[in-house]
Amino acid sequence: MQMGANAQLFIGSRNCTNINIAGGEVRGCLSIANTATGSIIAPPDNGNVTAIEPIPNRNVVYVCEGGALRIYDATTDKLQTTPEQPDVVGQAIDVKVVDF
């Protein structure tokens, strides 16, 4: 679990039941709880969550899910669209913020 910007609590799990209904709902091992409103969403991305890292002074949270690095926008609770999601060669399992 990590607290991101805008009172968003990112909660990751592993070995969860992924939902992928043909032509419909997709849910994975990540949940985002808004601690201010009490709402909870499960973004449409499948796989174990192995790392969550909020980026200081920005409205983004980096998440390793299903072996991919994902960048979530903490203002929309969706994957960031600009710039595009990074394409990491291999399996992303951890992410760290380097503080200078």
N, C-alpha and C. Protein backbone atom coordinates (compact mmCIF):
# COMPACT_ATOMS: atom_id res chain seq x y z
N MET A 1 0.84 -1.18 0.00
CA MET A 1 0.00 0.00 0.00
C MET A 1 0.89 1.24 0.00
N GLN A 2 0.45 2.22 -0.74
CA GLN A 2 1.13 3.51 -0.78
C GLN A 2 0.09 4.62 -0.94
N MET A 3 0.31 5.72 -0.24
CA MET A 3 -0.56 6.88 -0.37
C MET A 3 -0.03 7.75 -1.50
N GLY A 4 -0.87 7.96 -2.51
CA GLY A 4 -0.50 8.83 -3.61
C GLY A 4 -1.07 10.22 -3.39
N ALA A 5 -0.99 11.05 -4.41
CA ALA A 5 -1.54 12.40 -4.34
C ALA A 5 -3.06 12.35 -4.28
N ASN A 6 -3.67 13.43 -3.85
CA ASN A 6 -5.12 13.60 -3.85
C ASN A 6 -5.85 12.57 -2.99
N ALA A 7 -5.25 12.17 -1.88
CA ALA A 7 -5.86 11.24 -0.92
C ALA A 7 -6.14 9.87 -1.52
N GLN A 8 -5.36 9.49 -2.54
CA GLN A 8 -5.56 8.20 -3.18
C GLN A 8 -4.64 7.15 -2.54
N LEU A 9 -5.24 6.08 -2.00
CA LEU A 9 -4.50 4.98 -1.41
C LEU A 9 -4.45 3.85 -2.43
N PHE A 10 -3.25 3.53 -2.91
CA PHE A 10 -3.05 2.47 -3.89
C PHE A 10 -2.77 1.17 -3.13
N ILE A 11 -3.57 0.14 -3.41
CA ILE A 11 -3.48 -1.14 -2.70
C ILE A 11 -3.24 -2.23 -3.73
N GLY A 12 -2.11 -2.91 -3.59
CA GLY A 12 -1.77 -3.98 -4.52
C GLY A 12 -1.87 -5.34 -3.85
N SER A 13 -2.12 -6.36 -4.64
CA SER A 13 -2.17 -7.72 -4.13
C SER A 13 -1.55 -8.65 -5.17
N ARG A 14 -1.42 -9.91 -4.78
CA ARG A 14 -0.91 -10.90 -5.73
C ARG A 14 -1.72 -12.17 -5.56
N ASN A 15 -1.66 -13.01 -6.56
CA ASN A 15 -2.43 -14.25 -6.58
C ASN A 15 -3.92 -13.99 -6.38
N CYS A 16 -4.39 -12.87 -6.91
CA CYS A 16 -5.81 -12.54 -6.81
C CYS A 16 -6.54 -13.13 -8.02
N THR A 17 -7.84 -13.02 -8.01
CA THR A 17 -8.64 -13.49 -9.13
C THR A 17 -8.79 -12.35 -10.12
N ASN A 18 -8.14 -12.49 -11.28
CA ASN A 18 -8.27 -11.49 -12.33
C ASN A 18 -9.58 -11.73 -13.08
N ILE A 19 -10.28 -10.67 -13.42
CA ILE A 19 -11.52 -10.77 -14.17
C ILE A 19 -11.27 -10.22 -15.56
N ASN A 20 -11.61 -10.99 -16.57
CA ASN A 20 -11.48 -10.56 -17.95
C ASN A 20 -12.64 -11.17 -18.73
N ILE A 21 -13.78 -10.51 -18.68
CA ILE A 21 -14.98 -10.99 -19.34
C ILE A 21 -14.95 -10.49 -20.78
N ALA A 22 -15.10 -11.40 -21.73
CA ALA A 22 -15.06 -11.05 -23.15
C ALA A 22 -16.02 -9.91 -23.45
N GLY A 23 -15.46 -8.83 -24.01
CA GLY A 23 -16.27 -7.68 -24.37
C GLY A 23 -16.79 -6.88 -23.19
N GLY A 24 -16.22 -7.15 -22.00
CA GLY A 24 -16.76 -6.45 -20.83
C GLY A 24 -15.70 -6.04 -19.84
N GLU A 25 -16.00 -6.32 -18.61
CA GLU A 25 -15.20 -5.84 -17.49
C GLU A 25 -13.84 -6.54 -17.38
N VAL A 26 -12.81 -5.74 -17.05
CA VAL A 26 -11.47 -6.24 -16.76
C VAL A 26 -11.05 -5.65 -15.42
N ARG A 27 -10.64 -6.51 -14.50
CA ARG A 27 -10.17 -6.07 -13.18
C ARG A 27 -9.00 -6.95 -12.77
N GLY A 28 -8.03 -6.36 -12.08
CA GLY A 28 -6.86 -7.11 -11.67
C GLY A 28 -6.58 -7.00 -10.19
N CYS A 29 -5.31 -6.94 -9.84
CA CYS A 29 -4.86 -6.99 -8.44
C CYS A 29 -4.60 -5.61 -7.84
N LEU A 30 -4.98 -4.54 -8.51
CA LEU A 30 -4.78 -3.19 -7.97
C LEU A 30 -6.12 -2.57 -7.64
N SER A 31 -6.19 -1.95 -6.46
CA SER A 31 -7.36 -1.18 -6.07
C SER A 31 -6.87 0.21 -5.68
N ILE A 32 -7.70 1.22 -5.95
CA ILE A 32 -7.39 2.58 -5.56
C ILE A 32 -8.55 3.09 -4.73
N ALA A 33 -8.25 3.42 -3.47
CA ALA A 33 -9.27 3.92 -2.56
C ALA A 33 -9.07 5.42 -2.36
N ASN A 34 -10.13 6.18 -2.55
CA ASN A 34 -10.09 7.61 -2.27
C ASN A 34 -10.44 7.78 -0.80
N THR A 35 -9.45 8.13 0.02
CA THR A 35 -9.67 8.22 1.45
C THR A 35 -10.51 9.43 1.84
N ALA A 36 -10.69 10.37 0.93
CA ALA A 36 -11.51 11.55 1.22
C ALA A 36 -12.99 11.26 0.99
N THR A 37 -13.30 10.47 -0.05
CA THR A 37 -14.70 10.22 -0.40
C THR A 37 -15.17 8.81 -0.04
N GLY A 38 -14.22 7.89 0.16
CA GLY A 38 -14.58 6.50 0.46
C GLY A 38 -14.82 5.65 -0.76
N SER A 39 -14.66 6.21 -1.96
CA SER A 39 -14.87 5.42 -3.18
C SER A 39 -13.66 4.53 -3.46
N ILE A 40 -13.93 3.40 -4.10
CA ILE A 40 -12.87 2.44 -4.45
C ILE A 40 -13.07 2.01 -5.89
N ILE A 41 -11.95 1.97 -6.63
CA ILE A 41 -12.01 1.46 -8.00
C ILE A 41 -10.94 0.39 -8.18
N ALA A 42 -11.15 -0.47 -9.15
CA ALA A 42 -10.17 -1.48 -9.54
C ALA A 42 -9.87 -1.25 -11.02
N PRO A 43 -8.71 -0.66 -11.33
CA PRO A 43 -8.39 -0.33 -12.72
C PRO A 43 -8.33 -1.58 -13.62
N PRO A 44 -8.61 -1.41 -14.91
CA PRO A 44 -8.62 -2.54 -15.84
C PRO A 44 -7.23 -2.94 -16.31
N ASP A 45 -6.49 -3.63 -15.47
CA ASP A 45 -5.17 -4.15 -15.82
C ASP A 45 -4.97 -5.40 -14.98
N ASN A 46 -4.52 -6.48 -15.58
CA ASN A 46 -4.40 -7.76 -14.87
C ASN A 46 -2.98 -8.05 -14.44
N GLY A 47 -2.84 -8.88 -13.41
CA GLY A 47 -1.54 -9.35 -12.96
C GLY A 47 -1.22 -8.96 -11.54
N ASN A 48 -0.25 -9.66 -10.97
CA ASN A 48 0.21 -9.37 -9.62
C ASN A 48 0.81 -7.98 -9.54
N VAL A 49 0.54 -7.28 -8.44
CA VAL A 49 1.17 -5.99 -8.18
C VAL A 49 2.40 -6.26 -7.32
N THR A 50 3.57 -5.89 -7.84
CA THR A 50 4.82 -6.16 -7.12
C THR A 50 5.49 -4.89 -6.61
N ALA A 51 5.03 -3.72 -7.04
CA ALA A 51 5.62 -2.46 -6.57
C ALA A 51 4.65 -1.31 -6.79
N ILE A 52 4.65 -0.37 -5.85
CA ILE A 52 3.87 0.86 -5.95
C ILE A 52 4.75 1.99 -5.44
N GLU A 53 4.90 3.04 -6.23
CA GLU A 53 5.75 4.16 -5.82
C GLU A 53 5.13 5.48 -6.24
N PRO A 54 4.59 6.26 -5.29
CA PRO A 54 4.10 7.60 -5.63
C PRO A 54 5.28 8.52 -5.92
N ILE A 55 5.11 9.41 -6.88
CA ILE A 55 6.17 10.33 -7.26
C ILE A 55 5.90 11.67 -6.56
N PRO A 56 6.83 12.11 -5.70
CA PRO A 56 6.63 13.35 -4.95
C PRO A 56 6.42 14.56 -5.86
N ASN A 57 5.55 15.45 -5.43
CA ASN A 57 5.27 16.71 -6.13
C ASN A 57 4.68 16.51 -7.52
N ARG A 58 4.12 15.33 -7.78
CA ARG A 58 3.44 15.07 -9.05
C ARG A 58 2.18 14.27 -8.77
N ASN A 59 1.24 14.29 -9.66
CA ASN A 59 0.00 13.55 -9.51
C ASN A 59 0.07 12.20 -10.21
N VAL A 60 1.20 11.50 -10.08
CA VAL A 60 1.34 10.19 -10.70
C VAL A 60 1.87 9.18 -9.69
N VAL A 61 1.52 7.91 -9.93
CA VAL A 61 2.00 6.80 -9.12
C VAL A 61 2.47 5.72 -10.08
N TYR A 62 3.70 5.24 -9.88
CA TYR A 62 4.25 4.16 -10.69
C TYR A 62 3.88 2.84 -10.04
N VAL A 63 3.37 1.90 -10.85
CA VAL A 63 2.93 0.60 -10.36
C VAL A 63 3.50 -0.47 -11.28
N CYS A 64 4.11 -1.51 -10.71
CA CYS A 64 4.50 -2.69 -11.48
C CYS A 64 3.38 -3.70 -11.31
N GLU A 65 2.71 -4.00 -12.41
CA GLU A 65 1.58 -4.93 -12.37
C GLU A 65 1.66 -5.87 -13.56
N GLY A 66 1.62 -7.15 -13.27
CA GLY A 66 1.69 -8.15 -14.33
C GLY A 66 3.00 -8.09 -15.10
N GLY A 67 4.08 -7.65 -14.46
CA GLY A 67 5.38 -7.57 -15.10
C GLY A 67 5.59 -6.34 -15.95
N ALA A 68 4.62 -5.42 -15.94
CA ALA A 68 4.73 -4.19 -16.73
C ALA A 68 4.76 -2.99 -15.79
N LEU A 69 5.47 -1.94 -16.21
CA LEU A 69 5.50 -0.69 -15.47
C LEU A 69 4.34 0.17 -15.97
N ARG A 70 3.48 0.56 -15.05
CA ARG A 70 2.33 1.38 -15.37
C ARG A 70 2.42 2.70 -14.62
N ILE A 71 2.00 3.78 -15.27
CA ILE A 71 1.98 5.09 -14.63
C ILE A 71 0.53 5.53 -14.53
N TYR A 72 0.04 5.66 -13.29
CA TYR A 72 -1.33 6.07 -13.04
C TYR A 72 -1.41 7.55 -12.71
N ASP A 73 -2.42 8.21 -13.26
CA ASP A 73 -2.71 9.60 -12.96
C ASP A 73 -3.59 9.63 -11.71
N ALA A 74 -3.10 10.21 -10.63
CA ALA A 74 -3.83 10.22 -9.36
C ALA A 74 -5.00 11.20 -9.35
N THR A 75 -5.18 11.97 -10.42
CA THR A 75 -6.34 12.86 -10.49
C THR A 75 -7.51 12.17 -11.18
N THR A 76 -7.23 11.14 -12.00
CA THR A 76 -8.29 10.44 -12.73
C THR A 76 -8.40 8.97 -12.35
N ASP A 77 -7.41 8.43 -11.63
CA ASP A 77 -7.35 7.00 -11.28
C ASP A 77 -7.26 6.11 -12.51
N LYS A 78 -6.71 6.67 -13.59
CA LYS A 78 -6.56 5.91 -14.83
C LYS A 78 -5.10 5.95 -15.25
N LEU A 79 -4.75 5.09 -16.21
CA LEU A 79 -3.40 5.12 -16.75
C LEU A 79 -3.14 6.46 -17.41
N GLN A 80 -1.97 7.00 -17.17
CA GLN A 80 -1.56 8.25 -17.82
C GLN A 80 -1.52 8.03 -19.32
N THR A 81 -1.99 8.99 -20.08
CA THR A 81 -2.00 8.84 -21.54
C THR A 81 -0.92 9.66 -22.22
N THR A 82 -0.47 10.75 -21.58
CA THR A 82 0.57 11.59 -22.16
C THR A 82 1.63 11.86 -21.12
N PRO A 83 2.86 11.50 -21.30
CA PRO A 83 3.34 10.70 -22.42
C PRO A 83 2.82 9.27 -22.33
N GLU A 84 3.09 8.49 -23.38
CA GLU A 84 2.64 7.11 -23.43
C GLU A 84 3.25 6.29 -22.31
N GLN A 85 2.63 5.16 -22.03
CA GLN A 85 3.15 4.23 -21.03
C GLN A 85 4.50 3.70 -21.50
N PRO A 86 5.46 3.54 -20.57
CA PRO A 86 6.79 3.05 -20.97
C PRO A 86 6.74 1.58 -21.38
N ASP A 87 7.60 1.22 -22.31
CA ASP A 87 7.73 -0.16 -22.75
C ASP A 87 9.04 -0.70 -22.19
N VAL A 88 8.95 -1.45 -21.10
CA VAL A 88 10.13 -1.98 -20.43
C VAL A 88 10.42 -3.37 -21.00
N VAL A 89 11.65 -3.59 -21.43
CA VAL A 89 12.04 -4.91 -21.92
C VAL A 89 12.29 -5.80 -20.71
N GLY A 90 11.69 -6.97 -20.69
CA GLY A 90 11.81 -7.86 -19.55
C GLY A 90 10.61 -7.71 -18.65
N GLN A 91 10.76 -8.13 -17.39
CA GLN A 91 9.67 -8.09 -16.44
C GLN A 91 9.95 -7.06 -15.36
N ALA A 92 9.10 -6.06 -15.27
CA ALA A 92 9.24 -5.02 -14.24
C ALA A 92 8.68 -5.57 -12.93
N ILE A 93 9.50 -5.59 -11.87
CA ILE A 93 9.03 -6.10 -10.59
C ILE A 93 9.18 -5.09 -9.46
N ASP A 94 9.94 -4.01 -9.67
CA ASP A 94 10.14 -3.03 -8.62
C ASP A 94 10.38 -1.66 -9.24
N VAL A 95 10.08 -0.63 -8.47
CA VAL A 95 10.30 0.74 -8.91
C VAL A 95 10.67 1.56 -7.68
N LYS A 96 11.63 2.45 -7.83
CA LYS A 96 12.10 3.30 -6.74
C LYS A 96 12.24 4.73 -7.23
N VAL A 97 11.98 5.67 -6.34
CA VAL A 97 12.19 7.08 -6.63
C VAL A 97 13.59 7.43 -6.15
N VAL A 98 14.37 8.05 -7.03
CA VAL A 98 15.70 8.50 -6.65
C VAL A 98 15.57 9.93 -6.16
N ASP A 99 15.96 10.18 -4.94
CA ASP A 99 15.83 11.49 -4.33
C ASP A 99 17.20 12.16 -4.30
N PHE A 100 17.32 13.27 -5.02
CA PHE A 100 18.60 13.97 -5.07
C PHE A 100 18.66 15.05 -4.06
